[in-house]
N, C-alpha and C. Protein backbone atom coordinates (compact mmCIF):
# COMPACT_ATOMS: atom_id res chain seq x y z
N UNK A 1 38.32 -16.67 1.56
CA UNK A 1 37.13 -15.84 1.75
C UNK A 1 36.78 -15.14 0.40
N UNK A 2 35.52 -15.16 0.10
CA UNK A 2 35.07 -14.50 -1.11
C UNK A 2 35.38 -13.00 -1.07
N UNK A 3 35.89 -12.50 -2.18
CA UNK A 3 36.24 -11.08 -2.22
C UNK A 3 34.99 -10.26 -2.12
N UNK A 4 35.16 -8.99 -1.67
CA UNK A 4 34.04 -8.10 -1.48
C UNK A 4 33.30 -7.90 -2.80
N UNK A 5 34.04 -7.73 -3.90
CA UNK A 5 33.43 -7.48 -5.19
C UNK A 5 32.61 -8.71 -5.65
N UNK A 6 33.20 -9.91 -5.46
CA UNK A 6 32.52 -11.15 -5.84
C UNK A 6 31.26 -11.35 -5.01
N UNK A 7 31.37 -11.07 -3.73
CA UNK A 7 30.20 -11.18 -2.82
C UNK A 7 29.11 -10.20 -3.20
N UNK A 8 29.46 -9.01 -3.59
CA UNK A 8 28.50 -8.01 -4.05
C UNK A 8 27.77 -8.51 -5.33
N UNK A 9 28.58 -9.06 -6.25
CA UNK A 9 28.02 -9.58 -7.47
C UNK A 9 27.02 -10.72 -7.20
N UNK A 10 27.41 -11.59 -6.24
CA UNK A 10 26.54 -12.72 -5.85
C UNK A 10 25.21 -12.26 -5.28
N UNK A 11 25.25 -11.26 -4.36
CA UNK A 11 24.04 -10.74 -3.76
C UNK A 11 23.17 -10.12 -4.83
N UNK A 12 23.79 -9.35 -5.73
CA UNK A 12 22.97 -8.71 -6.78
C UNK A 12 22.35 -9.78 -7.72
N UNK A 13 23.09 -10.79 -8.08
CA UNK A 13 22.58 -11.82 -8.97
C UNK A 13 21.44 -12.59 -8.29
N UNK A 14 21.61 -12.93 -7.00
CA UNK A 14 20.54 -13.66 -6.30
C UNK A 14 19.28 -12.81 -6.21
N UNK A 15 19.47 -11.54 -5.94
CA UNK A 15 18.30 -10.66 -5.86
C UNK A 15 17.58 -10.57 -7.21
N UNK A 16 18.34 -10.47 -8.30
CA UNK A 16 17.78 -10.35 -9.61
C UNK A 16 17.03 -11.63 -10.01
N UNK A 17 17.69 -12.76 -9.87
CA UNK A 17 17.09 -13.99 -10.36
C UNK A 17 15.96 -14.52 -9.53
N UNK A 18 15.96 -14.20 -8.23
CA UNK A 18 14.91 -14.66 -7.36
C UNK A 18 13.68 -13.73 -7.34
N UNK A 19 13.94 -12.41 -7.47
CA UNK A 19 12.88 -11.46 -7.11
C UNK A 19 12.53 -10.48 -8.26
N UNK A 20 13.02 -10.70 -9.49
CA UNK A 20 12.73 -9.77 -10.55
C UNK A 20 12.39 -10.49 -11.86
N UNK A 21 11.46 -11.43 -11.80
CA UNK A 21 11.02 -12.14 -12.99
C UNK A 21 10.06 -11.27 -13.84
N UNK A 22 9.20 -10.54 -13.16
CA UNK A 22 8.17 -9.76 -13.87
C UNK A 22 8.74 -8.51 -14.51
N UNK A 23 8.40 -8.29 -15.78
CA UNK A 23 8.85 -7.06 -16.44
C UNK A 23 8.10 -5.83 -15.92
N UNK A 24 6.92 -6.04 -15.32
CA UNK A 24 6.24 -4.92 -14.65
C UNK A 24 7.09 -4.48 -13.47
N UNK A 25 7.54 -5.46 -12.69
CA UNK A 25 8.38 -5.21 -11.54
C UNK A 25 9.68 -4.55 -11.97
N UNK A 26 10.30 -5.07 -13.01
CA UNK A 26 11.56 -4.47 -13.51
C UNK A 26 11.37 -3.03 -13.98
N UNK A 27 10.22 -2.77 -14.65
CA UNK A 27 9.93 -1.43 -15.12
C UNK A 27 9.71 -0.48 -13.99
N UNK A 28 9.03 -0.95 -12.93
CA UNK A 28 8.86 -0.10 -11.75
C UNK A 28 10.17 0.17 -11.03
N UNK A 29 11.06 -0.82 -11.08
CA UNK A 29 12.39 -0.62 -10.53
C UNK A 29 13.20 0.40 -11.33
N UNK A 30 12.97 0.44 -12.64
CA UNK A 30 13.63 1.42 -13.46
C UNK A 30 13.15 2.82 -13.11
N UNK A 31 11.84 2.99 -12.93
CA UNK A 31 11.26 4.27 -12.49
C UNK A 31 11.83 4.62 -11.13
N UNK A 32 11.87 3.66 -10.23
CA UNK A 32 12.40 3.85 -8.90
C UNK A 32 13.85 4.33 -8.93
N UNK A 33 14.65 3.66 -9.78
CA UNK A 33 16.07 3.98 -9.91
C UNK A 33 16.27 5.40 -10.39
N UNK A 34 15.50 5.83 -11.41
CA UNK A 34 15.57 7.20 -11.91
C UNK A 34 15.25 8.22 -10.81
N UNK A 35 14.21 7.87 -10.04
CA UNK A 35 13.78 8.79 -8.97
C UNK A 35 14.80 8.84 -7.86
N UNK A 36 15.34 7.68 -7.49
CA UNK A 36 16.37 7.65 -6.44
C UNK A 36 17.62 8.43 -6.85
N UNK A 37 18.03 8.33 -8.13
CA UNK A 37 19.18 9.05 -8.60
C UNK A 37 18.94 10.56 -8.51
N UNK A 38 17.73 10.96 -8.84
CA UNK A 38 17.37 12.38 -8.70
C UNK A 38 17.44 12.79 -7.20
N UNK A 39 16.92 11.92 -6.38
CA UNK A 39 16.95 12.21 -4.93
C UNK A 39 18.36 12.28 -4.40
N UNK A 40 19.27 11.43 -4.93
CA UNK A 40 20.67 11.46 -4.50
C UNK A 40 21.28 12.83 -4.80
N UNK A 41 20.94 13.35 -5.99
CA UNK A 41 21.50 14.65 -6.34
C UNK A 41 20.89 15.76 -5.47
N UNK A 42 19.63 15.65 -5.14
CA UNK A 42 18.95 16.65 -4.29
C UNK A 42 19.43 16.60 -2.84
N UNK A 43 19.94 15.41 -2.44
CA UNK A 43 20.32 15.22 -1.03
C UNK A 43 21.33 16.27 -0.56
N UNK A 44 22.23 16.72 -1.44
CA UNK A 44 23.22 17.65 -1.03
C UNK A 44 22.67 19.07 -0.85
N UNK A 45 21.54 19.32 -1.52
CA UNK A 45 20.96 20.69 -1.47
C UNK A 45 19.77 20.78 -0.51
N UNK A 46 18.94 19.71 -0.54
CA UNK A 46 17.68 19.74 0.24
C UNK A 46 17.35 18.34 0.68
N UNK A 47 17.93 17.85 1.79
CA UNK A 47 17.69 16.49 2.22
C UNK A 47 16.20 16.16 2.49
N UNK A 48 15.46 17.09 2.99
CA UNK A 48 14.03 16.84 3.29
C UNK A 48 13.28 16.56 2.00
N UNK A 49 13.50 17.35 0.99
CA UNK A 49 12.85 17.20 -0.28
C UNK A 49 13.28 15.89 -0.95
N UNK A 50 14.58 15.59 -0.87
CA UNK A 50 15.09 14.36 -1.42
C UNK A 50 14.42 13.14 -0.79
N UNK A 51 14.27 13.22 0.55
CA UNK A 51 13.62 12.14 1.25
C UNK A 51 12.18 11.96 0.84
N UNK A 52 11.43 13.06 0.71
CA UNK A 52 10.04 12.99 0.28
C UNK A 52 9.92 12.37 -1.10
N UNK A 53 10.81 12.76 -2.01
CA UNK A 53 10.81 12.23 -3.35
C UNK A 53 11.17 10.74 -3.33
N UNK A 54 12.17 10.40 -2.57
CA UNK A 54 12.59 9.02 -2.49
C UNK A 54 11.55 8.08 -1.91
N UNK A 55 10.87 8.50 -0.85
CA UNK A 55 9.90 7.68 -0.22
C UNK A 55 8.56 7.63 -0.96
N UNK A 56 8.07 8.75 -1.44
CA UNK A 56 6.73 8.78 -2.05
C UNK A 56 6.68 8.22 -3.44
N UNK A 57 7.78 8.32 -4.20
CA UNK A 57 7.77 7.80 -5.54
C UNK A 57 8.71 6.57 -5.69
N UNK A 58 9.99 6.80 -5.38
CA UNK A 58 10.98 5.72 -5.61
C UNK A 58 10.69 4.49 -4.77
N UNK A 59 10.44 4.64 -3.50
CA UNK A 59 10.24 3.46 -2.64
C UNK A 59 8.89 2.80 -2.89
N UNK A 60 7.84 3.57 -3.12
CA UNK A 60 6.52 3.00 -3.35
C UNK A 60 6.47 2.24 -4.66
N UNK A 61 7.05 2.76 -5.73
CA UNK A 61 7.03 2.04 -6.98
C UNK A 61 7.85 0.76 -6.87
N UNK A 62 8.96 0.83 -6.18
CA UNK A 62 9.84 -0.32 -6.00
C UNK A 62 9.12 -1.45 -5.26
N UNK A 63 8.48 -1.10 -4.16
CA UNK A 63 7.83 -2.14 -3.32
C UNK A 63 6.53 -2.63 -3.94
N UNK A 64 5.82 -1.78 -4.65
CA UNK A 64 4.59 -2.24 -5.37
C UNK A 64 4.96 -3.33 -6.35
N UNK A 65 6.10 -3.18 -7.00
CA UNK A 65 6.56 -4.20 -7.94
C UNK A 65 6.72 -5.56 -7.27
N UNK A 66 7.27 -5.55 -6.08
CA UNK A 66 7.49 -6.80 -5.33
C UNK A 66 6.17 -7.35 -4.77
N UNK A 67 5.37 -6.46 -4.16
CA UNK A 67 4.17 -6.91 -3.46
C UNK A 67 3.08 -7.44 -4.42
N UNK A 68 2.92 -6.76 -5.57
CA UNK A 68 1.74 -6.99 -6.40
C UNK A 68 2.02 -7.66 -7.75
N UNK A 69 3.22 -7.58 -8.26
CA UNK A 69 3.46 -8.07 -9.61
C UNK A 69 4.44 -9.23 -9.74
N UNK A 70 5.24 -9.43 -8.73
CA UNK A 70 6.22 -10.52 -8.82
C UNK A 70 5.52 -11.86 -8.51
N UNK A 71 5.75 -12.93 -9.31
CA UNK A 71 5.13 -14.22 -9.03
C UNK A 71 5.59 -14.77 -7.67
N UNK A 72 4.66 -15.42 -7.02
CA UNK A 72 5.02 -15.98 -5.67
C UNK A 72 4.77 -17.46 -5.61
N UNK A 73 4.63 -18.11 -6.79
CA UNK A 73 4.51 -19.56 -6.80
C UNK A 73 5.89 -20.20 -6.80
N UNK A 74 5.91 -21.52 -7.14
CA UNK A 74 7.18 -22.22 -7.21
C UNK A 74 7.99 -21.71 -8.34
N UNK A 75 9.24 -21.41 -8.10
CA UNK A 75 10.16 -20.84 -9.08
C UNK A 75 10.88 -21.99 -9.80
N UNK A 76 10.33 -22.37 -10.97
CA UNK A 76 10.93 -23.48 -11.72
C UNK A 76 12.32 -23.16 -12.22
N UNK A 77 12.55 -21.93 -12.62
CA UNK A 77 13.85 -21.54 -13.14
C UNK A 77 14.99 -21.73 -12.15
N UNK A 78 14.71 -21.43 -10.87
CA UNK A 78 15.70 -21.54 -9.85
C UNK A 78 15.50 -22.75 -8.90
N UNK A 79 14.43 -23.53 -9.22
CA UNK A 79 14.11 -24.70 -8.38
C UNK A 79 14.02 -24.31 -6.91
N UNK A 80 13.20 -23.32 -6.65
CA UNK A 80 13.05 -22.88 -5.25
C UNK A 80 11.62 -22.41 -5.02
N UNK A 81 11.13 -22.73 -3.84
CA UNK A 81 9.77 -22.26 -3.46
C UNK A 81 9.87 -20.83 -3.00
N UNK A 82 8.72 -20.15 -2.99
CA UNK A 82 8.68 -18.78 -2.51
C UNK A 82 9.08 -18.74 -1.03
N UNK A 83 8.66 -19.74 -0.27
CA UNK A 83 8.97 -19.79 1.13
C UNK A 83 10.51 -19.92 1.37
N UNK A 84 11.15 -20.72 0.54
CA UNK A 84 12.60 -20.85 0.66
C UNK A 84 13.31 -19.53 0.31
N UNK A 85 12.85 -18.85 -0.72
CA UNK A 85 13.50 -17.58 -1.09
C UNK A 85 13.29 -16.54 0.03
N UNK A 86 12.14 -16.55 0.66
CA UNK A 86 11.90 -15.63 1.74
C UNK A 86 12.79 -15.92 2.93
N UNK A 87 13.05 -17.21 3.16
CA UNK A 87 13.87 -17.61 4.31
C UNK A 87 15.35 -17.22 4.13
N UNK A 88 15.86 -17.36 2.90
CA UNK A 88 17.31 -17.13 2.65
C UNK A 88 17.57 -15.68 2.22
N UNK A 89 16.57 -14.87 2.02
CA UNK A 89 16.76 -13.49 1.59
C UNK A 89 17.71 -12.76 2.52
N UNK A 90 18.79 -12.17 1.97
CA UNK A 90 19.76 -11.50 2.80
C UNK A 90 19.18 -10.20 3.43
N UNK A 91 18.53 -9.43 2.64
CA UNK A 91 18.03 -8.13 3.12
C UNK A 91 16.62 -8.21 3.70
N UNK A 92 15.76 -7.34 3.26
CA UNK A 92 14.39 -7.29 3.76
C UNK A 92 13.53 -8.17 2.87
N UNK A 93 13.08 -9.30 3.40
CA UNK A 93 12.11 -10.12 2.66
C UNK A 93 10.76 -9.46 2.75
N UNK A 94 9.73 -10.07 2.12
CA UNK A 94 8.43 -9.43 2.06
C UNK A 94 7.82 -9.21 3.42
N UNK A 95 7.99 -10.15 4.34
CA UNK A 95 7.45 -10.00 5.68
C UNK A 95 8.10 -8.79 6.39
N UNK A 96 9.40 -8.68 6.26
CA UNK A 96 10.09 -7.51 6.89
C UNK A 96 9.71 -6.24 6.19
N UNK A 97 9.51 -6.29 4.88
CA UNK A 97 9.12 -5.09 4.12
C UNK A 97 7.74 -4.58 4.58
N UNK A 98 6.80 -5.50 4.83
CA UNK A 98 5.47 -5.10 5.30
C UNK A 98 5.59 -4.35 6.61
N UNK A 99 6.45 -4.83 7.51
CA UNK A 99 6.67 -4.16 8.79
C UNK A 99 7.28 -2.78 8.58
N UNK A 100 8.32 -2.74 7.71
CA UNK A 100 9.01 -1.47 7.44
C UNK A 100 8.10 -0.45 6.82
N UNK A 101 7.29 -0.88 5.85
CA UNK A 101 6.40 0.04 5.14
C UNK A 101 5.25 0.47 6.03
N UNK A 102 4.84 -0.41 6.96
CA UNK A 102 3.82 0.00 7.92
C UNK A 102 4.34 1.11 8.85
N UNK A 103 5.59 0.97 9.27
CA UNK A 103 6.18 2.05 10.09
C UNK A 103 6.24 3.35 9.30
N UNK A 104 6.68 3.20 8.02
CA UNK A 104 6.72 4.38 7.13
C UNK A 104 5.36 5.09 7.06
N UNK A 105 4.34 4.29 6.85
CA UNK A 105 2.98 4.85 6.67
C UNK A 105 2.43 5.46 7.98
N UNK A 106 2.96 4.97 9.10
CA UNK A 106 2.43 5.45 10.41
C UNK A 106 3.08 6.76 10.85
N UNK A 107 4.24 7.10 10.26
CA UNK A 107 4.97 8.27 10.67
C UNK A 107 4.17 9.57 10.41
N UNK A 108 3.53 9.73 9.23
CA UNK A 108 2.76 10.99 9.04
C UNK A 108 1.60 11.13 10.06
N UNK A 109 0.97 10.00 10.45
CA UNK A 109 -0.06 10.03 11.47
C UNK A 109 0.56 10.45 12.81
N UNK A 110 1.70 9.89 13.17
CA UNK A 110 2.34 10.23 14.39
C UNK A 110 2.72 11.70 14.45
N UNK A 111 3.22 12.23 13.29
CA UNK A 111 3.59 13.66 13.22
C UNK A 111 2.35 14.55 13.30
N UNK A 112 1.26 14.07 12.79
CA UNK A 112 0.01 14.86 12.82
C UNK A 112 -0.49 14.96 14.30
N UNK A 113 -0.43 13.83 14.98
CA UNK A 113 -0.90 13.77 16.38
C UNK A 113 0.06 14.56 17.30
N UNK A 114 1.37 14.45 17.02
CA UNK A 114 2.39 15.09 17.85
C UNK A 114 3.28 15.93 16.97
N UNK A 115 2.90 17.15 16.65
CA UNK A 115 3.65 17.98 15.67
C UNK A 115 5.09 18.28 16.03
N UNK A 116 5.44 18.18 17.30
CA UNK A 116 6.86 18.43 17.68
C UNK A 116 7.67 17.14 17.77
N UNK A 117 7.02 16.02 17.64
CA UNK A 117 7.67 14.69 17.81
C UNK A 117 8.53 14.71 19.05
N UNK A 118 7.85 14.98 20.17
CA UNK A 118 8.49 14.96 21.48
C UNK A 118 9.68 15.92 21.60
N UNK A 119 9.48 17.07 20.96
CA UNK A 119 10.48 18.12 21.08
C UNK A 119 11.55 18.13 20.00
N UNK A 120 11.47 17.17 19.03
CA UNK A 120 12.47 17.14 17.99
C UNK A 120 12.37 18.33 17.06
N UNK A 121 11.15 18.82 16.80
CA UNK A 121 10.89 20.01 15.97
C UNK A 121 10.08 21.03 16.76
N UNK A 122 10.14 22.25 16.30
CA UNK A 122 9.10 23.23 16.68
C UNK A 122 7.87 22.89 15.84
N UNK A 123 6.72 23.09 16.44
CA UNK A 123 5.45 22.80 15.70
C UNK A 123 5.45 23.56 14.37
N UNK A 124 5.08 22.84 13.33
CA UNK A 124 5.06 23.42 11.94
C UNK A 124 4.03 24.56 11.90
N UNK A 125 4.36 25.61 11.20
CA UNK A 125 3.42 26.73 11.05
C UNK A 125 2.67 26.67 9.74
N UNK A 126 2.92 25.72 8.92
CA UNK A 126 2.16 25.53 7.66
C UNK A 126 2.43 24.18 7.06
N UNK A 127 1.74 23.89 5.95
CA UNK A 127 1.84 22.58 5.33
C UNK A 127 3.24 22.29 4.81
N UNK A 128 3.88 23.28 4.22
CA UNK A 128 5.22 23.03 3.66
C UNK A 128 6.18 22.68 4.76
N UNK A 129 6.14 23.39 5.88
CA UNK A 129 7.06 23.10 6.99
C UNK A 129 6.75 21.73 7.59
N UNK A 130 5.45 21.38 7.65
CA UNK A 130 5.07 20.04 8.15
C UNK A 130 5.64 18.96 7.25
N UNK A 131 5.58 19.16 5.90
CA UNK A 131 6.09 18.18 4.96
C UNK A 131 7.62 18.07 5.10
N UNK A 132 8.27 19.18 5.35
CA UNK A 132 9.73 19.10 5.52
C UNK A 132 10.09 18.31 6.79
N UNK A 133 9.32 18.47 7.87
CA UNK A 133 9.52 17.69 9.05
C UNK A 133 9.34 16.21 8.72
N UNK A 134 8.25 15.91 7.94
CA UNK A 134 8.00 14.51 7.59
C UNK A 134 9.17 13.95 6.76
N UNK A 135 9.69 14.79 5.85
CA UNK A 135 10.86 14.31 5.08
C UNK A 135 12.06 13.97 5.93
N UNK A 136 12.35 14.76 6.92
CA UNK A 136 13.46 14.45 7.83
C UNK A 136 13.20 13.16 8.64
N UNK A 137 11.95 12.98 9.03
CA UNK A 137 11.64 11.76 9.79
C UNK A 137 11.79 10.54 8.91
N UNK A 138 11.33 10.64 7.70
CA UNK A 138 11.46 9.53 6.73
C UNK A 138 12.93 9.29 6.40
N UNK A 139 13.73 10.34 6.33
CA UNK A 139 15.11 10.17 6.08
C UNK A 139 15.80 9.40 7.23
N UNK A 140 15.38 9.74 8.46
CA UNK A 140 15.89 9.02 9.61
C UNK A 140 15.47 7.53 9.59
N UNK A 141 14.23 7.25 9.13
CA UNK A 141 13.75 5.91 9.05
C UNK A 141 14.60 5.13 8.03
N UNK A 142 14.85 5.73 6.90
CA UNK A 142 15.66 5.03 5.89
C UNK A 142 17.06 4.73 6.35
N UNK A 143 17.71 5.73 6.96
CA UNK A 143 19.09 5.51 7.48
C UNK A 143 19.06 4.53 8.61
N UNK A 144 18.06 4.60 9.48
CA UNK A 144 17.96 3.66 10.60
C UNK A 144 17.68 2.26 10.14
N UNK A 145 16.80 2.08 9.15
CA UNK A 145 16.50 0.74 8.62
C UNK A 145 17.71 0.12 7.97
N UNK A 146 18.47 0.94 7.24
CA UNK A 146 19.69 0.42 6.62
C UNK A 146 20.73 0.01 7.66
N UNK A 147 20.96 0.84 8.61
CA UNK A 147 21.98 0.58 9.65
C UNK A 147 21.57 -0.60 10.50
N UNK A 148 20.30 -0.70 10.84
CA UNK A 148 19.80 -1.81 11.67
C UNK A 148 20.06 -3.16 10.98
N UNK A 149 19.71 -3.27 9.71
CA UNK A 149 19.86 -4.51 8.97
C UNK A 149 21.36 -4.84 8.76
N UNK A 150 22.15 -3.83 8.48
CA UNK A 150 23.61 -4.08 8.32
C UNK A 150 24.20 -4.63 9.58
N UNK A 151 23.89 -4.04 10.73
CA UNK A 151 24.39 -4.51 12.03
C UNK A 151 23.87 -5.92 12.32
N UNK A 152 22.60 -6.14 12.05
CA UNK A 152 21.99 -7.45 12.30
C UNK A 152 22.69 -8.52 11.46
N UNK A 153 22.94 -8.19 10.16
CA UNK A 153 23.62 -9.18 9.30
C UNK A 153 25.07 -9.39 9.74
N UNK A 154 25.74 -8.39 10.22
CA UNK A 154 27.08 -8.52 10.71
C UNK A 154 27.19 -9.56 11.85
N UNK A 155 26.15 -9.58 12.69
CA UNK A 155 26.15 -10.52 13.80
C UNK A 155 25.63 -11.89 13.42
N UNK A 156 24.68 -11.98 12.46
CA UNK A 156 24.05 -13.24 12.14
C UNK A 156 24.70 -13.94 10.92
N UNK A 157 25.26 -13.19 9.97
CA UNK A 157 25.80 -13.81 8.78
C UNK A 157 27.25 -13.40 8.49
N UNK A 158 27.81 -12.55 9.30
CA UNK A 158 29.19 -12.14 9.11
C UNK A 158 29.30 -10.67 8.70
N UNK A 159 30.45 -10.06 9.12
CA UNK A 159 30.64 -8.65 8.86
C UNK A 159 30.66 -8.37 7.35
N UNK A 160 31.31 -9.19 6.56
CA UNK A 160 31.36 -8.91 5.12
C UNK A 160 29.97 -8.93 4.49
N UNK A 161 29.19 -9.91 4.87
CA UNK A 161 27.82 -9.97 4.34
C UNK A 161 27.01 -8.71 4.63
N UNK A 162 27.12 -8.22 5.87
CA UNK A 162 26.44 -6.99 6.22
C UNK A 162 26.93 -5.81 5.49
N UNK A 163 28.26 -5.67 5.35
CA UNK A 163 28.80 -4.50 4.64
C UNK A 163 28.49 -4.56 3.16
N UNK A 164 28.54 -5.77 2.59
CA UNK A 164 28.23 -5.94 1.16
C UNK A 164 26.77 -5.60 0.90
N UNK A 165 25.88 -6.07 1.78
CA UNK A 165 24.46 -5.72 1.59
C UNK A 165 24.22 -4.23 1.70
N UNK A 166 24.85 -3.58 2.67
CA UNK A 166 24.69 -2.13 2.76
C UNK A 166 25.18 -1.41 1.52
N UNK A 167 26.28 -1.85 0.97
CA UNK A 167 26.81 -1.31 -0.27
C UNK A 167 25.85 -1.52 -1.43
N UNK A 168 25.29 -2.72 -1.47
CA UNK A 168 24.35 -3.09 -2.53
C UNK A 168 23.10 -2.15 -2.47
N UNK A 169 22.58 -1.94 -1.31
CA UNK A 169 21.37 -1.12 -1.18
C UNK A 169 21.67 0.31 -1.64
N UNK A 170 22.78 0.88 -1.20
CA UNK A 170 23.11 2.26 -1.54
C UNK A 170 23.34 2.43 -3.07
N UNK A 171 23.92 1.40 -3.68
CA UNK A 171 24.24 1.47 -5.12
C UNK A 171 23.21 0.84 -6.00
N UNK A 172 22.13 0.29 -5.46
CA UNK A 172 21.07 -0.32 -6.22
C UNK A 172 20.48 0.61 -7.30
N UNK A 173 20.28 1.89 -7.03
CA UNK A 173 19.68 2.74 -8.08
C UNK A 173 20.56 2.78 -9.33
N UNK A 174 21.90 2.80 -9.18
CA UNK A 174 22.77 2.83 -10.34
C UNK A 174 22.70 1.49 -11.09
N UNK A 175 22.74 0.38 -10.30
CA UNK A 175 22.66 -0.95 -10.90
C UNK A 175 21.33 -1.20 -11.58
N UNK A 176 20.23 -0.84 -10.91
CA UNK A 176 18.89 -1.04 -11.45
C UNK A 176 18.62 -0.21 -12.70
N UNK A 177 19.16 0.98 -12.71
CA UNK A 177 18.99 1.84 -13.88
C UNK A 177 19.56 1.13 -15.13
N UNK A 178 20.74 0.61 -14.97
CA UNK A 178 21.40 -0.06 -16.10
C UNK A 178 20.78 -1.42 -16.41
N UNK A 179 20.44 -2.17 -15.39
CA UNK A 179 19.97 -3.56 -15.53
C UNK A 179 18.56 -3.59 -16.14
N UNK A 180 17.70 -2.63 -15.72
CA UNK A 180 16.30 -2.69 -16.13
C UNK A 180 15.89 -1.60 -17.14
N UNK A 181 16.90 -0.98 -17.77
CA UNK A 181 16.59 0.11 -18.64
C UNK A 181 15.76 -0.31 -19.86
N UNK A 182 15.83 -1.55 -20.29
CA UNK A 182 15.08 -1.99 -21.43
C UNK A 182 13.71 -2.61 -21.05
N UNK A 183 13.47 -2.77 -19.78
CA UNK A 183 12.23 -3.43 -19.35
C UNK A 183 10.96 -2.69 -19.81
N UNK A 184 10.87 -1.36 -19.68
CA UNK A 184 9.64 -0.67 -20.13
C UNK A 184 9.35 -0.91 -21.61
N UNK A 185 10.37 -0.91 -22.40
CA UNK A 185 10.15 -1.14 -23.90
C UNK A 185 9.70 -2.54 -24.14
N UNK A 186 10.26 -3.51 -23.47
CA UNK A 186 9.85 -4.94 -23.65
C UNK A 186 8.42 -5.10 -23.14
N UNK A 187 8.06 -4.41 -22.08
CA UNK A 187 6.71 -4.52 -21.56
C UNK A 187 5.71 -3.97 -22.58
N UNK A 188 6.06 -2.85 -23.20
CA UNK A 188 5.19 -2.24 -24.20
C UNK A 188 5.05 -3.13 -25.45
N UNK A 189 6.03 -3.98 -25.70
CA UNK A 189 5.95 -4.89 -26.84
C UNK A 189 5.17 -6.16 -26.53
N UNK A 190 4.65 -6.23 -25.29
CA UNK A 190 3.81 -7.37 -24.95
C UNK A 190 4.42 -8.46 -24.11
N UNK A 191 5.72 -8.32 -23.83
CA UNK A 191 6.36 -9.31 -22.95
C UNK A 191 5.89 -9.05 -21.49
N UNK A 192 5.89 -10.12 -20.74
CA UNK A 192 5.49 -9.98 -19.33
C UNK A 192 6.49 -10.47 -18.32
N UNK A 193 7.32 -11.45 -18.75
CA UNK A 193 8.30 -12.03 -17.84
C UNK A 193 9.64 -12.15 -18.56
N UNK A 194 10.71 -12.09 -17.75
CA UNK A 194 12.05 -12.28 -18.31
C UNK A 194 12.18 -13.68 -18.80
N UNK A 195 13.20 -13.93 -19.64
CA UNK A 195 13.32 -15.18 -20.37
C UNK A 195 13.34 -16.39 -19.47
N UNK A 196 14.08 -16.30 -18.35
CA UNK A 196 14.22 -17.50 -17.47
C UNK A 196 12.95 -17.80 -16.70
N UNK A 197 12.01 -16.85 -16.65
CA UNK A 197 10.80 -17.04 -15.85
C UNK A 197 9.60 -17.44 -16.71
N UNK A 198 9.81 -17.70 -18.03
CA UNK A 198 8.70 -18.03 -18.91
C UNK A 198 7.97 -19.29 -18.48
N UNK A 199 8.75 -20.29 -18.08
CA UNK A 199 8.12 -21.52 -17.66
C UNK A 199 7.25 -21.36 -16.45
N UNK A 200 7.73 -20.52 -15.51
CA UNK A 200 6.97 -20.25 -14.28
C UNK A 200 5.69 -19.48 -14.63
N UNK A 201 5.79 -18.52 -15.55
CA UNK A 201 4.62 -17.73 -15.91
C UNK A 201 3.57 -18.56 -16.58
N UNK A 202 3.98 -19.56 -17.40
CA UNK A 202 3.03 -20.45 -18.08
C UNK A 202 2.50 -21.50 -17.16
């Protein structure tokens, strides 16, 4: 059986080579990583604020990179179609991400319509309190989305795969900070794609 560390390295490498060709996407991931690391530190003091920061800046920049800047044609470097990569994606592929982000975007509307969220909160007395309630709801969504996919992977692809993916997601900000730290500078120098994706970009 592949060791946990080796499996984690494999998932990280597959994610990088399949889904991070664009230096715009890599730069947005670097911004996302910096923001998530800040949110991690805030989590111990103010979970609601950390959640708001994580969702409004870190998660949106991260997903915009995938949705709008990453090439979706045939991947010459990896000899794989976009459809194949979406099918074998361990975590949330683009289709699942659209569903997840739609739920995320619908939560503020739901909280506006039902300020107590069926008795979960007392009705907010001001905008700040309302935002804090939203932060807690988004925090629950993030934890729930992570737990749901881990459990799903444990049943469909094996316990180790699920646990490795969960570990990868939690530690991605640290990994992405280091991996993509040079991407903004390269982007400013006029590069657009990482070296292995040049053929695909042309």
